[in-house]
């Protein structure tokens, strides 16, 4: 499913703020983005690694867990759990097993994140990992 084209919204500086119509258009666009999140973000999931990455399953790329991409994807999923219902699960599915009702197993992603090769000297990545695991 493709998203509707973005309409240019001109924000006017007025005493009363933005017009109702402009805000309504913005709300509709944000709702459309939210509702399409599983389809859009789900395409970046690599089930063989239980990881989200910019190029999942790409030929010739190193087959290692993408720590930062997976952390940000987990934050997106956890921020709008109702949208992801039916797409993600938390059960104990073994790698390689399929479960039609749960395409992304959060337990497996979190287990893979804990086991991943972290860069302990990376002051950007380590706090993201800790925040993700505590969430």
C-alpha atoms as a PDB file:
ATOM      1  CA  UNK A   1       0.000   0.000   0.000  1.00  0.00           C
ATOM      2  CA  UNK A   2       1.446   3.333  -0.944  1.00  0.00           C
ATOM      3  CA  UNK A   3       1.045   6.469   1.084  1.00  0.00           C
ATOM      4  CA  UNK A   4      -0.921   9.361  -0.336  1.00  0.00           C
ATOM      5  CA  UNK A   5       1.226  12.201  -1.679  1.00  0.00           C
ATOM      6  CA  UNK A   6       2.289  14.783   0.826  1.00  0.00           C
ATOM      7  CA  UNK A   7       0.341  17.977   0.441  1.00  0.00           C
ATOM      8  CA  UNK A   8       2.338  21.106   0.971  1.00  0.00           C
ATOM      9  CA  UNK A   9       1.073  22.812   4.054  1.00  0.00           C
ATOM     10  CA  UNK A  10       1.801  26.473   4.296  1.00  0.00           C
ATOM     11  CA  UNK A  11       2.125  27.473   7.876  1.00  0.00           C
ATOM     12  CA  UNK A  12       0.998  31.005   8.401  1.00  0.00           C
ATOM     13  CA  UNK A  13       1.963  33.002  11.374  1.00  0.00           C
ATOM     14  CA  UNK A  14      -1.283  34.437  12.680  1.00  0.00           C
ATOM     15  CA  UNK A  15      -2.602  35.462  16.036  1.00  0.00           C
ATOM     16  CA  UNK A  16      -4.771  32.352  16.217  1.00  0.00           C
ATOM     17  CA  UNK A  17      -2.038  29.945  15.049  1.00  0.00           C
ATOM     18  CA  UNK A  18      -2.553  27.415  12.267  1.00  0.00           C
ATOM     19  CA  UNK A  19      -5.884  27.051  10.562  1.00  0.00           C
ATOM     20  CA  UNK A  20      -8.102  24.117  11.448  1.00  0.00           C
ATOM     21  CA  UNK A  21      -7.879  22.765   7.890  1.00  0.00           C
ATOM     22  CA  UNK A  22      -4.078  22.804   7.926  1.00  0.00           C
ATOM     23  CA  UNK A  23      -3.967  20.987  11.244  1.00  0.00           C
ATOM     24  CA  UNK A  24      -6.583  18.477  10.062  1.00  0.00           C
ATOM     25  CA  UNK A  25      -4.505  17.720   6.941  1.00  0.00           C
ATOM     26  CA  UNK A  26      -1.426  17.214   9.106  1.00  0.00           C
ATOM     27  CA  UNK A  27      -3.360  14.907  11.448  1.00  0.00           C
ATOM     28  CA  UNK A  28      -4.569  12.805   8.496  1.00  0.00           C
ATOM     29  CA  UNK A  29      -1.028  12.457   7.137  1.00  0.00           C
ATOM     30  CA  UNK A  30       0.339  11.420  10.528  1.00  0.00           C
ATOM     31  CA  UNK A  31      -2.459   8.862  10.941  1.00  0.00           C
ATOM     32  CA  UNK A  32      -1.667   7.431   7.530  1.00  0.00           C
ATOM     33  CA  UNK A  33       2.015   7.128   8.425  1.00  0.00           C
ATOM     34  CA  UNK A  34       1.185   5.489  11.769  1.00  0.00           C
ATOM     35  CA  UNK A  35      -1.198   2.979  10.203  1.00  0.00           C
ATOM     36  CA  UNK A  36       1.305   1.976   7.517  1.00  0.00           C
ATOM     37  CA  UNK A  37       4.187   1.551   9.990  1.00  0.00           C
ATOM     38  CA  UNK A  38       4.092  -2.269  10.203  1.00  0.00           C
ATOM     39  CA  UNK A  39       4.120  -2.603   6.422  1.00  0.00           C
ATOM     40  CA  UNK A  40       6.853  -0.004   5.904  1.00  0.00           C
ATOM     41  CA  UNK A  41       9.125  -0.836   8.827  1.00  0.00           C
ATOM     42  CA  UNK A  42       8.466  -4.563   8.565  1.00  0.00           C
ATOM     43  CA  UNK A  43      10.284  -4.580   5.230  1.00  0.00           C
ATOM     44  CA  UNK A  44      13.509  -3.805   7.061  1.00  0.00           C
ATOM     45  CA  UNK A  45      13.299  -6.909   9.274  1.00  0.00           C
ATOM     46  CA  UNK A  46      15.791  -9.711   8.605  1.00  0.00           C
ATOM     47  CA  UNK A  47      14.278 -12.832  10.150  1.00  0.00           C
ATOM     48  CA  UNK A  48      17.484 -14.859   9.764  1.00  0.00           C
ATOM     49  CA  UNK A  49      19.243 -12.458  12.158  1.00  0.00           C
ATOM     50  CA  UNK A  50      16.201 -11.312  14.176  1.00  0.00           C
ATOM     51  CA  UNK A  51      17.395  -7.831  13.307  1.00  0.00           C
ATOM     52  CA  UNK A  52      16.181  -4.696  11.595  1.00  0.00           C
ATOM     53  CA  UNK A  53      18.622  -3.231   9.098  1.00  0.00           C
ATOM     54  CA  UNK A  54      18.810  -0.737   6.262  1.00  0.00           C
ATOM     55  CA  UNK A  55      19.334  -3.540   3.707  1.00  0.00           C
ATOM     56  CA  UNK A  56      18.010  -6.828   5.177  1.00  0.00           C
ATOM     57  CA  UNK A  57      19.236  -9.990   3.503  1.00  0.00           C
ATOM     58  CA  UNK A  58      21.326  -8.064   0.975  1.00  0.00           C
ATOM     59  CA  UNK A  59      23.746 -10.242  -0.952  1.00  0.00           C
ATOM     60  CA  UNK A  60      27.389  -9.659  -0.071  1.00  0.00           C
ATOM     61  CA  UNK A  61      26.673  -7.673   3.072  1.00  0.00           C
ATOM     62  CA  UNK A  62      28.079  -8.841   6.349  1.00  0.00           C
ATOM     63  CA  UNK A  63      25.606 -11.005   8.191  1.00  0.00           C
ATOM     64  CA  UNK A  64      25.715  -9.305  11.548  1.00  0.00           C
ATOM     65  CA  UNK A  65      23.043  -7.914  13.795  1.00  0.00           C
ATOM     66  CA  UNK A  66      22.305  -4.247  13.145  1.00  0.00           C
ATOM     67  CA  UNK A  67      22.281  -2.851  16.685  1.00  0.00           C
ATOM     68  CA  UNK A  68      21.281   0.781  16.109  1.00  0.00           C
ATOM     69  CA  UNK A  69      18.638   0.050  13.445  1.00  0.00           C
ATOM     70  CA  UNK A  70      17.073  -2.635  15.634  1.00  0.00           C
ATOM     71  CA  UNK A  71      16.994  -0.364  18.692  1.00  0.00           C
ATOM     72  CA  UNK A  72      15.219   2.419  16.804  1.00  0.00           C
ATOM     73  CA  UNK A  73      12.777  -0.071  15.242  1.00  0.00           C
ATOM     74  CA  UNK A  74      11.988  -1.504  18.684  1.00  0.00           C
ATOM     75  CA  UNK A  75      11.312   2.004  19.984  1.00  0.00           C
ATOM     76  CA  UNK A  76       8.902   2.620  17.095  1.00  0.00           C
ATOM     77  CA  UNK A  77       7.100  -0.667  17.738  1.00  0.00           C
ATOM     78  CA  UNK A  78       6.828  -0.109  21.484  1.00  0.00           C
ATOM     79  CA  UNK A  79       5.630   3.467  20.994  1.00  0.00           C
ATOM     80  CA  UNK A  80       2.591   2.343  19.025  1.00  0.00           C
ATOM     81  CA  UNK A  81       1.886  -1.199  20.160  1.00  0.00           C
ATOM     82  CA  UNK A  82      -1.779  -1.112  19.068  1.00  0.00           C
ATOM     83  CA  UNK A  83      -0.736  -0.574  15.440  1.00  0.00           C
ATOM     84  CA  UNK A  84       1.621  -3.562  15.591  1.00  0.00           C
ATOM     85  CA  UNK A  85      -0.892  -5.990  17.141  1.00  0.00           C
ATOM     86  CA  UNK A  86      -0.928  -9.173  15.063  1.00  0.00           C
ATOM     87  CA  UNK A  87       2.433  -8.388  13.461  1.00  0.00           C
ATOM     88  CA  UNK A  88       4.711  -8.783  16.476  1.00  0.00           C
ATOM     89  CA  UNK A  89       4.696 -11.380  19.205  1.00  0.00           C
ATOM     90  CA  UNK A  90       6.612 -12.155  22.357  1.00  0.00           C
ATOM     91  CA  UNK A  91       6.389 -15.951  22.374  1.00  0.00           C
ATOM     92  CA  UNK A  92       9.170 -18.498  22.306  1.00  0.00           C
ATOM     93  CA  UNK A  93       9.386 -19.283  18.592  1.00  0.00           C
ATOM     94  CA  UNK A  94      12.605 -21.018  17.632  1.00  0.00           C
ATOM     95  CA  UNK A  95      14.688 -19.485  14.816  1.00  0.00           C
ATOM     96  CA  UNK A  96      13.540 -20.865  11.476  1.00  0.00           C
ATOM     97  CA  UNK A  97      10.036 -21.737  12.714  1.00  0.00           C
ATOM     98  CA  UNK A  98       7.173 -19.833  11.165  1.00  0.00           C
ATOM     99  CA  UNK A  99       4.128 -18.455  12.887  1.00  0.00           C
ATOM    100  CA  UNK A 100       1.742 -16.694  10.522  1.00  0.00           C
ATOM    101  CA  UNK A 101       0.182 -14.583  13.267  1.00  0.00           C
ATOM    102  CA  UNK A 102       3.530 -13.231  14.445  1.00  0.00           C
ATOM    103  CA  UNK A 103       5.963 -12.184  11.752  1.00  0.00           C
ATOM    104  CA  UNK A 104       8.352 -10.448  14.164  1.00  0.00           C
ATOM    105  CA  UNK A 105       9.199 -12.072  17.485  1.00  0.00           C
ATOM    106  CA  UNK A 106      10.229  -9.340  19.951  1.00  0.00           C
ATOM    107  CA  UNK A 107      11.780 -11.834  22.357  1.00  0.00           C
ATOM    108  CA  UNK A 108      14.085 -13.097  19.624  1.00  0.00           C
ATOM    109  CA  UNK A 109      15.021  -9.549  18.604  1.00  0.00           C
ATOM    110  CA  UNK A 110      15.809  -8.594  22.219  1.00  0.00           C
ATOM    111  CA  UNK A 111      17.775 -11.829  22.791  1.00  0.00           C
ATOM    112  CA  UNK A 112      19.761 -11.160  19.613  1.00  0.00           C
ATOM    113  CA  UNK A 113      20.371  -7.555  20.743  1.00  0.00           C
ATOM    114  CA  UNK A 114      21.789  -8.755  24.068  1.00  0.00           C
ATOM    115  CA  UNK A 115      24.033 -11.262  22.256  1.00  0.00           C
ATOM    116  CA  UNK A 116      25.117  -8.786  19.562  1.00  0.00           C
ATOM    117  CA  UNK A 117      28.630  -7.440  19.167  1.00  0.00           C
ATOM    118  CA  UNK A 118      28.277  -4.091  20.921  1.00  0.00           C
ATOM    119  CA  UNK A 119      30.805  -1.304  20.460  1.00  0.00           C
ATOM    120  CA  UNK A 120      31.411  -0.465  24.102  1.00  0.00           C
ATOM    121  CA  UNK A 121      33.439   2.616  23.164  1.00  0.00           C
ATOM    122  CA  UNK A 122      30.557   4.089  21.139  1.00  0.00           C
ATOM    123  CA  UNK A 123      28.981   6.829  23.249  1.00  0.00           C
ATOM    124  CA  UNK A 124      26.007   6.999  20.872  1.00  0.00           C
ATOM    125  CA  UNK A 125      25.186   3.299  20.604  1.00  0.00           C
ATOM    126  CA  UNK A 126      25.581   2.166  24.220  1.00  0.00           C
ATOM    127  CA  UNK A 127      22.945   4.528  25.704  1.00  0.00           C
ATOM    128  CA  UNK A 128      20.474   3.535  22.944  1.00  0.00           C
ATOM    129  CA  UNK A 129      21.000  -0.129  23.769  1.00  0.00           C
ATOM    130  CA  UNK A 130      20.529   0.433  27.499  1.00  0.00           C
ATOM    131  CA  UNK A 131      17.393   2.532  26.996  1.00  0.00           C
ATOM    132  CA  UNK A 132      15.960  -0.092  24.617  1.00  0.00           C
ATOM    133  CA  UNK A 133      16.614  -2.969  27.001  1.00  0.00           C
ATOM    134  CA  UNK A 134      15.133  -1.089  29.955  1.00  0.00           C
ATOM    135  CA  UNK A 135      12.001  -0.222  28.051  1.00  0.00           C
END
